[in-house]
Amino acid sequence: MATKLPQNPQNHLSKILCDADLFYLGGDEYEFFSENLFSELKGNAIVETKEIWHKRQVDFLNSHQFYTKTAKDELENKKGENKDKVEKNTGHLKKKSNLLDHLQDTVSVLFGVIVAAFALKSFLVPNHFFDGGVTGMSLLIHELYHINLALVIVLFNLPLIIISYFTVGKNFAKKTFFSVLFLGLCLWLLPPVDITHDKLIVAVFGGAFLGIGVGLVMRAGAALDGIEVLALYTLKKTSFTITEIILGINIIIFSIAALKFGIETSLYSVLTYFAATKTIDYVVEGIQAFTGVTIISAKSEEIKHQLVNKLGRGITVYKGERGFLPGKFDVSTDCDIIYTVVTRLEMRKLKNLIYEIDSEAFVFANTIKEASGGIIKSRVKH
């Protein structure tokens, strides 16, 4: 009881026990015991990385105090030295982590830009196809006035990059600027490759490759198309939503394409845009995009047991009431409302599991754009 954290000893014996319990903080074997404790906490999924562990140790050492005079005299100085070592290690790990993240982002941007340039030069431009957003506007200007596509894309994106500097952030604007600049360079230097003139193949694969490129750049925290920045800026000036603004701009682009180059080209361009958008979703969110599922059932206890022990998912339970049906408004019962998060691939298995237990269970799901922590990353056999 005396050593339970946070420590609050009430008498001299309790103080001795507390100092004995955390004696290693001011000892020569601090690193040995600290490493063992990290291994234990990591094995129990309490701490994930060394960087997080060192930060927690620094916070703990700053808040900790010895209580007895002997411990203060003999251990405080060494505890300060141990804390300095941990802070130094934290700095090294943070620099290493930042460098690795920066390298990953750079590779993602470079590869993404090259793939996007390949899609434009090999599929869309040779077949006079269009896309939505700023890329679509650039392709339209290129086809109408025969201005170099690389120059048009860079010029169209520049004002939006400036706007993003103030609306989104400096880091985003800087990454986007270099990404767009590199895209322009690739479009300028890469030779066109005439792969196919089959319109369906061009629409699907041209859109897919473009989506892969744009998605990889987005994963690195940048953008190749500033249309969302424009929509975000316009949102503050109007009552329209971002989706409505983007849709309106794209309708204008595809309408002009229909008038100038024919309805067939415009419709295939819409298919290109759809393929690119869906591919971006897969690249950014991953094939295992997470889905939040809410389950309301009279057999909630059995469902909870199966979700945790058979499917291997964590659950959250809300207390609620079910019933209130038309004609039976006064009839209701207490129930557990179960919420869990699964991957897209697990959704079918989850539904089958639930309906085997209760065919009348009410289940609804919604897509989660990002999820972390808990046990949602654990591998589940299908």
Foldseek 3Di string as FASTA:
>chain_A
DQCPPPHDDDDDVSLVVNCVVVVLLQDPCVVVVLVVVVVVCCVVVNDPDLLVSLVVVLVCLVPDDRDDPVCCVRRPVSNVVVSVVSVVVNVVVVVVVVVVLVVLLVVLLVVLLLLLLLLCQAFCQVQLAAAAFQRRVLSVCCVPVVDQSLVSLLVSCVVLLVLCCPVPHVVQSVLQNVSSNVSSVCNVPPHGDHDDNPLLCSLQVSLLSNLSSQLSNVLSNYGSGSLLSVLVVVVVVDVDHSVVSRVVRRVVSLVVCCVPPNNVSSVSNVSSNVNSVVNSLCSNQNQFFKKKKKKWDPPVVVLQCCCCPPQVWDKDWDWDKDDCDVVPNVDIDITIIIMTMATPVCPVVSVVSVCVVPVPMDMDMDTDRDDDDDCRPPDGDD
